[in-house]
Amino acid sequence: MSTRLVILDRDGVIGRDSDSHIRSSDQWHPIDGSLDAISLLTQGGFTVAVATNQSGIARGLLDLSALEEIHDKMVLAVSAAGGHIDRIVVCPHGPNEGCDCRKPAPGLLLQLADHYGISLASVPFIGDSVRDLAAAQAVGGRAILVRTGNGRITEAEFGHTEAVEVYEDLFQAARTLLTERVA
């Protein structure tokens, strides 16, 4: 792969989160600056993938068709901003199903590693929850926390550690990644 990979969580990083789950495309709204951030990453040579837990499917709150419509809306919004999401992997299972794909388990990330044929060592994974950070660390990835979504709560719970970088939002994290790429 000639480009670098960056993995993003969906809710709380790209789009606004909801305690009652995002159930339809009408409920999906981008976080300010997130679409521009993905555009910057894309134009800076990164391949952008999304890894998202969607237990609303297992809970019967939405079906795969509704999820596809949400993702179509997100991908089109990113495209309109000049960016590209190359791949989206989803865990549709509930929290008590014991699957290997639901973050904090590394299954979704391992699916991406297999798809791209790469090691995830040092690959940035940007999330807003402890489960995102734990999944990144489980594969040797670069755990990055944003303060959007549940990020501020996660930061308070997780504390500051050298193993996790913290940024205000996806745009700030993207600018940092791009600065490193140029350096």
N, C-alpha and C. Protein backbone atom coordinates (compact mmCIF):
# COMPACT_ATOMS: atom_id res chain seq x y z
N MET A 1 0.85 -1.18 0.00
CA MET A 1 0.00 0.00 0.00
C MET A 1 0.89 1.23 0.00
N SER A 2 0.68 2.12 -0.94
CA SER A 2 1.55 3.29 -1.09
C SER A 2 1.16 4.42 -0.16
N THR A 3 0.00 4.35 0.44
CA THR A 3 -0.44 5.41 1.35
C THR A 3 -0.47 4.90 2.78
N ARG A 4 -0.49 5.82 3.70
CA ARG A 4 -0.60 5.46 5.11
C ARG A 4 -2.06 5.33 5.50
N LEU A 5 -2.32 4.44 6.43
CA LEU A 5 -3.67 4.20 6.91
C LEU A 5 -3.91 4.97 8.19
N VAL A 6 -5.10 5.53 8.33
CA VAL A 6 -5.59 6.09 9.58
C VAL A 6 -7.00 5.52 9.77
N ILE A 7 -7.28 5.07 10.99
CA ILE A 7 -8.58 4.46 11.31
C ILE A 7 -9.32 5.40 12.25
N LEU A 8 -10.60 5.60 11.96
CA LEU A 8 -11.43 6.49 12.75
C LEU A 8 -12.63 5.74 13.32
N ASP A 9 -13.00 6.08 14.54
CA ASP A 9 -14.30 5.66 15.07
C ASP A 9 -15.33 6.58 14.41
N ARG A 10 -16.59 6.16 14.36
CA ARG A 10 -17.60 6.98 13.69
C ARG A 10 -18.27 7.97 14.64
N ASP A 11 -19.06 7.45 15.59
CA ASP A 11 -19.86 8.31 16.46
C ASP A 11 -18.98 8.96 17.53
N GLY A 12 -19.04 10.28 17.58
CA GLY A 12 -18.24 11.02 18.54
C GLY A 12 -16.92 11.50 17.95
N VAL A 13 -16.57 11.02 16.76
CA VAL A 13 -15.33 11.43 16.11
C VAL A 13 -15.65 12.12 14.77
N ILE A 14 -16.41 11.43 13.92
CA ILE A 14 -16.81 12.01 12.64
C ILE A 14 -18.18 12.68 12.78
N GLY A 15 -19.12 11.94 13.36
CA GLY A 15 -20.47 12.45 13.54
C GLY A 15 -20.83 12.54 15.00
N ARG A 16 -21.84 13.32 15.27
CA ARG A 16 -22.31 13.47 16.65
C ARG A 16 -22.81 12.14 17.17
N ASP A 17 -22.60 11.92 18.46
CA ASP A 17 -23.03 10.70 19.13
C ASP A 17 -24.41 10.92 19.74
N SER A 18 -25.09 9.84 20.08
CA SER A 18 -26.38 9.92 20.73
C SER A 18 -26.52 8.75 21.69
N ASP A 19 -26.96 9.03 22.90
CA ASP A 19 -27.17 7.96 23.88
C ASP A 19 -28.26 6.98 23.42
N SER A 20 -29.16 7.46 22.56
CA SER A 20 -30.24 6.60 22.07
C SER A 20 -29.93 6.01 20.69
N HIS A 21 -28.67 6.09 20.28
CA HIS A 21 -28.18 5.53 19.01
C HIS A 21 -28.62 6.37 17.81
N ILE A 22 -27.77 6.44 16.84
CA ILE A 22 -28.09 7.07 15.56
C ILE A 22 -28.85 6.00 14.79
N ARG A 23 -30.14 6.23 14.55
CA ARG A 23 -31.01 5.19 13.99
C ARG A 23 -31.37 5.41 12.52
N SER A 24 -31.12 6.61 12.02
CA SER A 24 -31.46 6.89 10.62
C SER A 24 -30.49 7.94 10.08
N SER A 25 -30.48 8.06 8.76
CA SER A 25 -29.59 9.05 8.14
C SER A 25 -29.98 10.46 8.55
N ASP A 26 -31.24 10.70 8.86
CA ASP A 26 -31.68 12.03 9.31
C ASP A 26 -31.05 12.40 10.65
N GLN A 27 -30.68 11.40 11.44
CA GLN A 27 -30.10 11.65 12.75
C GLN A 27 -28.58 11.79 12.72
N TRP A 28 -27.97 11.49 11.57
CA TRP A 28 -26.51 11.59 11.48
C TRP A 28 -26.12 13.01 11.07
N HIS A 29 -25.29 13.65 11.91
CA HIS A 29 -24.80 15.00 11.63
C HIS A 29 -23.30 15.04 11.93
N PRO A 30 -22.52 15.60 11.00
CA PRO A 30 -21.08 15.66 11.24
C PRO A 30 -20.73 16.61 12.37
N ILE A 31 -19.65 16.29 13.06
CA ILE A 31 -19.09 17.20 14.05
C ILE A 31 -18.36 18.29 13.27
N ASP A 32 -18.48 19.53 13.74
CA ASP A 32 -17.82 20.64 13.07
C ASP A 32 -16.34 20.33 12.84
N GLY A 33 -15.90 20.48 11.61
CA GLY A 33 -14.50 20.29 11.25
C GLY A 33 -14.12 18.87 10.87
N SER A 34 -14.99 17.89 11.16
CA SER A 34 -14.61 16.50 10.90
C SER A 34 -14.52 16.18 9.41
N LEU A 35 -15.41 16.73 8.62
CA LEU A 35 -15.37 16.47 7.18
C LEU A 35 -14.12 17.10 6.56
N ASP A 36 -13.80 18.31 6.99
CA ASP A 36 -12.57 18.97 6.52
C ASP A 36 -11.34 18.19 6.95
N ALA A 37 -11.38 17.62 8.16
CA ALA A 37 -10.25 16.83 8.65
C ALA A 37 -10.01 15.61 7.76
N ILE A 38 -11.07 14.92 7.39
CA ILE A 38 -10.94 13.75 6.53
C ILE A 38 -10.44 14.17 5.15
N SER A 39 -10.90 15.32 4.68
CA SER A 39 -10.41 15.84 3.41
C SER A 39 -8.90 16.11 3.49
N LEU A 40 -8.46 16.73 4.56
CA LEU A 40 -7.03 16.99 4.74
C LEU A 40 -6.23 15.69 4.75
N LEU A 41 -6.73 14.70 5.48
CA LEU A 41 -6.04 13.41 5.56
C LEU A 41 -5.95 12.76 4.18
N THR A 42 -7.06 12.76 3.46
CA THR A 42 -7.10 12.17 2.12
C THR A 42 -6.12 12.88 1.20
N GLN A 43 -6.19 14.18 1.17
CA GLN A 43 -5.32 14.96 0.28
C GLN A 43 -3.86 14.88 0.71
N GLY A 44 -3.64 14.54 1.99
CA GLY A 44 -2.28 14.40 2.50
C GLY A 44 -1.70 13.01 2.30
N GLY A 45 -2.44 12.14 1.60
CA GLY A 45 -1.92 10.81 1.27
C GLY A 45 -2.32 9.70 2.21
N PHE A 46 -3.22 9.97 3.13
CA PHE A 46 -3.70 8.91 4.03
C PHE A 46 -4.88 8.18 3.42
N THR A 47 -4.94 6.89 3.66
CA THR A 47 -6.13 6.10 3.39
C THR A 47 -6.95 6.11 4.68
N VAL A 48 -8.20 6.52 4.59
CA VAL A 48 -9.06 6.65 5.76
C VAL A 48 -10.04 5.49 5.82
N ALA A 49 -10.04 4.79 6.95
CA ALA A 49 -10.99 3.71 7.19
C ALA A 49 -11.74 4.01 8.49
N VAL A 50 -12.92 3.43 8.62
CA VAL A 50 -13.76 3.63 9.81
C VAL A 50 -14.04 2.27 10.43
N ALA A 51 -13.90 2.20 11.76
CA ALA A 51 -14.22 0.99 12.53
C ALA A 51 -15.23 1.40 13.60
N THR A 52 -16.44 0.82 13.53
CA THR A 52 -17.50 1.30 14.40
C THR A 52 -18.33 0.17 15.01
N ASN A 53 -18.55 0.25 16.32
CA ASN A 53 -19.51 -0.64 16.99
C ASN A 53 -20.90 -0.09 16.71
N GLN A 54 -21.81 -0.96 16.32
CA GLN A 54 -23.19 -0.54 16.07
C GLN A 54 -24.15 -1.55 16.71
N SER A 55 -24.16 -1.55 18.04
CA SER A 55 -25.00 -2.50 18.78
C SER A 55 -26.49 -2.23 18.58
N GLY A 56 -26.83 -1.07 18.03
CA GLY A 56 -28.24 -0.78 17.74
C GLY A 56 -28.86 -1.81 16.82
N ILE A 57 -28.04 -2.45 16.00
CA ILE A 57 -28.53 -3.51 15.12
C ILE A 57 -28.98 -4.70 15.96
N ALA A 58 -28.12 -5.16 16.86
CA ALA A 58 -28.46 -6.30 17.72
C ALA A 58 -29.65 -5.98 18.62
N ARG A 59 -29.78 -4.72 19.00
CA ARG A 59 -30.86 -4.30 19.90
C ARG A 59 -32.17 -4.05 19.15
N GLY A 60 -32.14 -4.16 17.81
CA GLY A 60 -33.34 -3.95 17.01
C GLY A 60 -33.71 -2.48 16.84
N LEU A 61 -32.77 -1.58 17.08
CA LEU A 61 -33.05 -0.15 16.96
C LEU A 61 -32.91 0.35 15.52
N LEU A 62 -32.15 -0.39 14.72
CA LEU A 62 -32.03 -0.10 13.29
C LEU A 62 -31.64 -1.39 12.58
N ASP A 63 -31.86 -1.42 11.28
CA ASP A 63 -31.47 -2.60 10.51
C ASP A 63 -30.30 -2.25 9.60
N LEU A 64 -29.82 -3.25 8.89
CA LEU A 64 -28.65 -3.04 8.03
C LEU A 64 -28.91 -2.02 6.93
N SER A 65 -30.14 -1.95 6.45
CA SER A 65 -30.50 -0.98 5.42
C SER A 65 -30.37 0.44 5.96
N ALA A 66 -30.86 0.68 7.16
CA ALA A 66 -30.74 2.00 7.77
C ALA A 66 -29.27 2.35 8.02
N LEU A 67 -28.49 1.37 8.47
CA LEU A 67 -27.07 1.60 8.69
C LEU A 67 -26.37 1.97 7.38
N GLU A 68 -26.72 1.28 6.31
CA GLU A 68 -26.14 1.59 5.01
C GLU A 68 -26.49 3.01 4.57
N GLU A 69 -27.73 3.44 4.83
CA GLU A 69 -28.14 4.80 4.48
C GLU A 69 -27.35 5.84 5.29
N ILE A 70 -27.11 5.55 6.56
CA ILE A 70 -26.30 6.44 7.40
C ILE A 70 -24.90 6.55 6.84
N HIS A 71 -24.32 5.40 6.51
CA HIS A 71 -22.96 5.40 5.97
C HIS A 71 -22.89 6.05 4.60
N ASP A 72 -23.91 5.86 3.78
CA ASP A 72 -23.95 6.54 2.48
C ASP A 72 -23.95 8.06 2.66
N LYS A 73 -24.77 8.54 3.61
CA LYS A 73 -24.83 9.98 3.88
C LYS A 73 -23.47 10.49 4.34
N MET A 74 -22.81 9.75 5.23
CA MET A 74 -21.51 10.14 5.74
C MET A 74 -20.47 10.18 4.62
N VAL A 75 -20.41 9.12 3.82
CA VAL A 75 -19.45 9.04 2.73
C VAL A 75 -19.67 10.16 1.71
N LEU A 76 -20.93 10.46 1.39
CA LEU A 76 -21.22 11.54 0.45
C LEU A 76 -20.83 12.90 1.02
N ALA A 77 -21.06 13.10 2.32
CA ALA A 77 -20.68 14.37 2.95
C ALA A 77 -19.16 14.54 2.95
N VAL A 78 -18.45 13.45 3.24
CA VAL A 78 -16.98 13.49 3.21
C VAL A 78 -16.50 13.78 1.79
N SER A 79 -17.09 13.12 0.82
CA SER A 79 -16.72 13.33 -0.58
C SER A 79 -16.97 14.77 -1.02
N ALA A 80 -18.10 15.33 -0.61
CA ALA A 80 -18.42 16.72 -0.97
C ALA A 80 -17.41 17.69 -0.38
N ALA A 81 -16.78 17.30 0.72
CA ALA A 81 -15.76 18.14 1.36
C ALA A 81 -14.37 17.89 0.77
N GLY A 82 -14.28 16.96 -0.19
CA GLY A 82 -13.00 16.69 -0.84
C GLY A 82 -12.22 15.53 -0.24
N GLY A 83 -12.88 14.74 0.61
CA GLY A 83 -12.22 13.61 1.24
C GLY A 83 -12.75 12.29 0.73
N HIS A 84 -12.21 11.20 1.30
CA HIS A 84 -12.64 9.86 0.88
C HIS A 84 -12.51 8.90 2.06
N ILE A 85 -13.56 8.14 2.30
CA ILE A 85 -13.50 7.03 3.26
C ILE A 85 -13.39 5.78 2.42
N ASP A 86 -12.28 5.07 2.58
CA ASP A 86 -11.98 3.92 1.73
C ASP A 86 -12.74 2.67 2.15
N ARG A 87 -12.95 2.49 3.45
CA ARG A 87 -13.57 1.26 3.94
C ARG A 87 -14.22 1.52 5.29
N ILE A 88 -15.35 0.87 5.52
CA ILE A 88 -16.04 0.94 6.81
C ILE A 88 -16.26 -0.49 7.28
N VAL A 89 -15.80 -0.80 8.50
CA VAL A 89 -16.06 -2.10 9.11
C VAL A 89 -16.93 -1.88 10.34
N VAL A 90 -17.87 -2.81 10.54
CA VAL A 90 -18.91 -2.63 11.55
C VAL A 90 -19.02 -3.88 12.41
N CYS A 91 -19.17 -3.68 13.72
CA CYS A 91 -19.59 -4.76 14.61
C CYS A 91 -21.06 -4.55 14.90
N PRO A 92 -21.93 -5.48 14.46
CA PRO A 92 -23.36 -5.33 14.69
C PRO A 92 -23.84 -5.98 15.99
N HIS A 93 -22.92 -6.53 16.77
CA HIS A 93 -23.28 -7.32 17.94
C HIS A 93 -23.54 -6.46 19.17
N GLY A 94 -24.29 -7.03 20.10
CA GLY A 94 -24.54 -6.37 21.37
C GLY A 94 -23.37 -6.55 22.32
N PRO A 95 -23.37 -5.78 23.40
CA PRO A 95 -22.24 -5.81 24.34
C PRO A 95 -22.03 -7.15 25.03
N ASN A 96 -23.05 -7.98 25.12
CA ASN A 96 -22.91 -9.25 25.85
C ASN A 96 -22.83 -10.47 24.95
N GLU A 97 -22.61 -10.27 23.66
CA GLU A 97 -22.59 -11.39 22.73
C GLU A 97 -21.25 -12.11 22.66
N GLY A 98 -20.20 -11.51 23.21
CA GLY A 98 -18.91 -12.18 23.25
C GLY A 98 -18.22 -12.34 21.92
N CYS A 99 -18.48 -11.45 20.98
CA CYS A 99 -17.82 -11.53 19.67
C CYS A 99 -16.38 -11.04 19.78
N ASP A 100 -15.61 -11.27 18.73
CA ASP A 100 -14.23 -10.79 18.74
C ASP A 100 -14.07 -9.49 17.96
N CYS A 101 -15.20 -8.95 17.46
CA CYS A 101 -15.09 -7.72 16.67
C CYS A 101 -15.51 -6.47 17.44
N ARG A 102 -16.28 -6.61 18.49
CA ARG A 102 -16.75 -5.43 19.23
C ARG A 102 -15.60 -4.82 20.02
N LYS A 103 -15.30 -3.56 19.70
CA LYS A 103 -14.26 -2.88 20.46
C LYS A 103 -14.67 -2.85 21.93
N PRO A 104 -13.81 -3.17 22.85
CA PRO A 104 -12.37 -3.07 22.80
C PRO A 104 -11.64 -4.27 22.20
N ALA A 105 -12.34 -5.33 21.82
CA ALA A 105 -11.67 -6.44 21.12
C ALA A 105 -11.10 -5.89 19.80
N PRO A 106 -10.02 -6.46 19.33
CA PRO A 106 -9.36 -5.91 18.14
C PRO A 106 -9.89 -6.41 16.80
N GLY A 107 -10.97 -7.18 16.78
CA GLY A 107 -11.42 -7.82 15.55
C GLY A 107 -11.65 -6.88 14.37
N LEU A 108 -12.29 -5.73 14.59
CA LEU A 108 -12.52 -4.80 13.48
C LEU A 108 -11.20 -4.29 12.92
N LEU A 109 -10.27 -4.00 13.80
CA LEU A 109 -8.97 -3.50 13.35
C LEU A 109 -8.21 -4.59 12.61
N LEU A 110 -8.33 -5.82 13.08
CA LEU A 110 -7.67 -6.93 12.40
C LEU A 110 -8.27 -7.17 11.02
N GLN A 111 -9.58 -6.94 10.87
CA GLN A 111 -10.20 -7.03 9.54
C GLN A 111 -9.56 -6.02 8.59
N LEU A 112 -9.30 -4.82 9.09
CA LEU A 112 -8.67 -3.79 8.25
C LEU A 112 -7.23 -4.17 7.93
N ALA A 113 -6.51 -4.70 8.91
CA ALA A 113 -5.13 -5.13 8.66
C ALA A 113 -5.10 -6.19 7.57
N ASP A 114 -6.04 -7.13 7.65
CA ASP A 114 -6.12 -8.19 6.64
C ASP A 114 -6.47 -7.62 5.27
N HIS A 115 -7.44 -6.73 5.23
CA HIS A 115 -7.87 -6.12 3.97
C HIS A 115 -6.71 -5.38 3.28
N TYR A 116 -5.96 -4.61 4.06
CA TYR A 116 -4.88 -3.81 3.49
C TYR A 116 -3.55 -4.55 3.43
N GLY A 117 -3.50 -5.73 4.07
CA GLY A 117 -2.28 -6.52 4.04
C GLY A 117 -1.12 -5.85 4.78
N ILE A 118 -1.42 -5.23 5.91
CA ILE A 118 -0.40 -4.51 6.67
C ILE A 118 -0.45 -4.87 8.15
N SER A 119 0.62 -4.53 8.84
CA SER A 119 0.65 -4.57 10.29
C SER A 119 0.04 -3.26 10.78
N LEU A 120 -0.63 -3.30 11.90
CA LEU A 120 -1.21 -2.08 12.45
C LEU A 120 -0.30 -1.40 13.46
N ALA A 121 0.93 -1.91 13.59
CA ALA A 121 1.89 -1.28 14.50
C ALA A 121 2.04 0.19 14.11
N SER A 122 1.77 1.06 15.05
CA SER A 122 1.89 2.52 14.89
C SER A 122 0.85 3.16 13.98
N VAL A 123 -0.13 2.39 13.49
CA VAL A 123 -1.20 2.99 12.68
C VAL A 123 -2.10 3.79 13.62
N PRO A 124 -2.37 5.07 13.29
CA PRO A 124 -3.23 5.87 14.15
C PRO A 124 -4.67 5.37 14.14
N PHE A 125 -5.24 5.25 15.33
CA PHE A 125 -6.68 4.97 15.48
C PHE A 125 -7.24 6.06 16.37
N ILE A 126 -8.13 6.86 15.81
CA ILE A 126 -8.67 8.02 16.50
C ILE A 126 -10.07 7.71 16.99
N GLY A 127 -10.27 7.80 18.31
CA GLY A 127 -11.55 7.49 18.91
C GLY A 127 -11.87 8.43 20.05
N ASP A 128 -13.05 8.21 20.64
CA ASP A 128 -13.50 9.05 21.75
C ASP A 128 -13.83 8.24 23.00
N SER A 129 -13.49 6.96 23.02
CA SER A 129 -13.85 6.13 24.17
C SER A 129 -12.70 5.21 24.58
N VAL A 130 -12.79 4.73 25.79
CA VAL A 130 -11.77 3.80 26.29
C VAL A 130 -11.71 2.57 25.41
N ARG A 131 -12.85 2.09 24.91
CA ARG A 131 -12.84 0.88 24.07
C ARG A 131 -12.08 1.12 22.77
N ASP A 132 -12.13 2.33 22.23
CA ASP A 132 -11.35 2.65 21.02
C ASP A 132 -9.85 2.59 21.33
N LEU A 133 -9.48 3.22 22.43
CA LEU A 133 -8.07 3.25 22.83
C LEU A 133 -7.54 1.85 23.10
N ALA A 134 -8.35 1.04 23.79
CA ALA A 134 -7.94 -0.33 24.11
C ALA A 134 -7.78 -1.17 22.85
N ALA A 135 -8.67 -1.01 21.88
CA ALA A 135 -8.57 -1.76 20.63
C ALA A 135 -7.29 -1.36 19.89
N ALA A 136 -6.99 -0.06 19.86
CA ALA A 136 -5.76 0.40 19.20
C ALA A 136 -4.53 -0.20 19.88
N GLN A 137 -4.53 -0.17 21.19
CA GLN A 137 -3.38 -0.69 21.93
C GLN A 137 -3.24 -2.20 21.76
N ALA A 138 -4.36 -2.91 21.62
CA ALA A 138 -4.33 -4.37 21.47
C ALA A 138 -3.62 -4.81 20.19
N VAL A 139 -3.61 -3.93 19.17
CA VAL A 139 -2.94 -4.28 17.90
C VAL A 139 -1.63 -3.53 17.72
N GLY A 140 -1.19 -2.85 18.76
CA GLY A 140 0.06 -2.09 18.66
C GLY A 140 -0.09 -0.80 17.90
N GLY A 141 -1.34 -0.34 17.77
CA GLY A 141 -1.60 0.89 17.03
C GLY A 141 -1.32 2.12 17.87
N ARG A 142 -1.45 3.24 17.25
CA ARG A 142 -1.23 4.54 17.87
C ARG A 142 -2.58 5.05 18.37
N ALA A 143 -2.80 4.99 19.66
CA ALA A 143 -4.09 5.37 20.26
C ALA A 143 -4.18 6.89 20.37
N ILE A 144 -5.20 7.44 19.72
CA ILE A 144 -5.42 8.89 19.74
C ILE A 144 -6.84 9.16 20.21
N LEU A 145 -6.95 10.00 21.24
CA LEU A 145 -8.25 10.38 21.81
C LEU A 145 -8.60 11.78 21.38
N VAL A 146 -9.84 11.98 20.93
CA VAL A 146 -10.34 13.32 20.68
C VAL A 146 -11.36 13.65 21.76
N ARG A 147 -11.46 14.94 22.09
CA ARG A 147 -12.33 15.37 23.18
C ARG A 147 -13.78 15.55 22.73
N THR A 148 -14.09 15.29 21.47
CA THR A 148 -15.47 15.36 21.01
C THR A 148 -16.20 14.09 21.45
N GLY A 149 -17.51 14.04 21.24
CA GLY A 149 -18.28 12.86 21.64
C GLY A 149 -18.12 12.60 23.12
N ASN A 150 -17.67 11.40 23.46
CA ASN A 150 -17.43 11.03 24.86
C ASN A 150 -15.99 11.27 25.30
N GLY A 151 -15.23 11.97 24.46
CA GLY A 151 -13.81 12.14 24.69
C GLY A 151 -13.42 12.81 25.99
N ARG A 152 -14.15 13.83 26.39
CA ARG A 152 -13.81 14.52 27.64
C ARG A 152 -14.05 13.59 28.84
N ILE A 153 -15.12 12.83 28.81
CA ILE A 153 -15.39 11.87 29.88
C ILE A 153 -14.32 10.80 29.88
N THR A 154 -13.97 10.31 28.70
CA THR A 154 -12.93 9.29 28.58
C THR A 154 -11.60 9.82 29.10
N GLU A 155 -11.27 11.04 28.75
CA GLU A 155 -10.01 11.63 29.21
C GLU A 155 -9.97 11.67 30.74
N ALA A 156 -11.08 12.03 31.35
CA ALA A 156 -11.14 12.09 32.82
C ALA A 156 -10.99 10.70 33.43
N GLU A 157 -11.59 9.68 32.80
CA GLU A 157 -11.52 8.31 33.30
C GLU A 157 -10.16 7.67 33.03
N PHE A 158 -9.64 7.89 31.83
CA PHE A 158 -8.42 7.23 31.38
C PHE A 158 -7.19 7.91 31.95
N GLY A 159 -7.31 9.22 32.18
CA GLY A 159 -6.16 9.97 32.67
C GLY A 159 -5.16 10.23 31.56
N HIS A 160 -4.14 10.95 31.90
CA HIS A 160 -3.10 11.25 30.92
C HIS A 160 -2.02 10.20 30.99
N THR A 161 -1.65 9.69 29.86
CA THR A 161 -0.59 8.70 29.77
C THR A 161 0.15 8.92 28.47
N GLU A 162 1.41 8.59 28.45
CA GLU A 162 2.18 8.76 27.22
C GLU A 162 1.69 7.83 26.12
N ALA A 163 0.96 6.78 26.48
CA ALA A 163 0.49 5.81 25.50
C ALA A 163 -0.69 6.33 24.67
N VAL A 164 -1.30 7.44 25.10
CA VAL A 164 -2.46 7.98 24.41
C VAL A 164 -2.26 9.47 24.15
N GLU A 165 -2.38 9.86 22.88
CA GLU A 165 -2.34 11.27 22.52
C GLU A 165 -3.75 11.83 22.63
N VAL A 166 -3.87 13.09 23.01
CA VAL A 166 -5.18 13.72 23.17
C VAL A 166 -5.22 15.01 22.34
N TYR A 167 -6.28 15.15 21.56
CA TYR A 167 -6.49 16.35 20.75
C TYR A 167 -7.91 16.85 20.95
N GLU A 168 -8.10 18.12 20.67
CA GLU A 168 -9.41 18.73 20.87
C GLU A 168 -10.47 18.07 19.98
N ASP A 169 -10.10 17.78 18.73
CA ASP A 169 -11.06 17.21 17.78
C ASP A 169 -10.30 16.53 16.64
N LEU A 170 -11.04 15.97 15.71
CA LEU A 170 -10.45 15.26 14.59
C LEU A 170 -9.61 16.19 13.72
N PHE A 171 -10.04 17.43 13.56
CA PHE A 171 -9.29 18.37 12.73
C PHE A 171 -7.91 18.60 13.32
N GLN A 172 -7.81 18.81 14.63
CA GLN A 172 -6.52 19.02 15.27
C GLN A 172 -5.63 17.78 15.15
N ALA A 173 -6.22 16.61 15.34
CA ALA A 173 -5.46 15.36 15.20
C ALA A 173 -4.96 15.19 13.77
N ALA A 174 -5.81 15.50 12.79
CA ALA A 174 -5.42 15.38 11.39
C ALA A 174 -4.27 16.32 11.05
N ARG A 175 -4.34 17.54 11.53
CA ARG A 175 -3.25 18.48 11.27
C ARG A 175 -1.94 17.98 11.84
N THR A 176 -1.99 17.38 13.02
CA THR A 176 -0.78 16.83 13.62
C THR A 176 -0.21 15.70 12.77
N LEU A 177 -1.07 14.78 12.33
CA LEU A 177 -0.62 13.68 11.50
C LEU A 177 0.00 14.18 10.20
N LEU A 178 -0.59 15.19 9.61
CA LEU A 178 -0.06 15.74 8.36
C LEU A 178 1.27 16.44 8.57
N THR A 179 1.40 17.12 9.68
CA THR A 179 2.67 17.80 9.99
C THR A 179 3.78 16.77 10.13
N GLU A 180 3.50 15.65 10.78
CA GLU A 180 4.48 14.58 10.94
C GLU A 180 4.85 13.99 9.60
N ARG A 181 3.88 13.85 8.74
CA ARG A 181 4.12 13.23 7.42
C ARG A 181 5.08 14.07 6.59
N VAL A 182 4.97 15.38 6.73
CA VAL A 182 5.82 16.29 5.97
C VAL A 182 7.22 16.33 6.57
N ALA A 183 7.30 16.24 7.88
CA ALA A 183 8.58 16.36 8.59
C ALA A 183 9.52 15.21 8.29
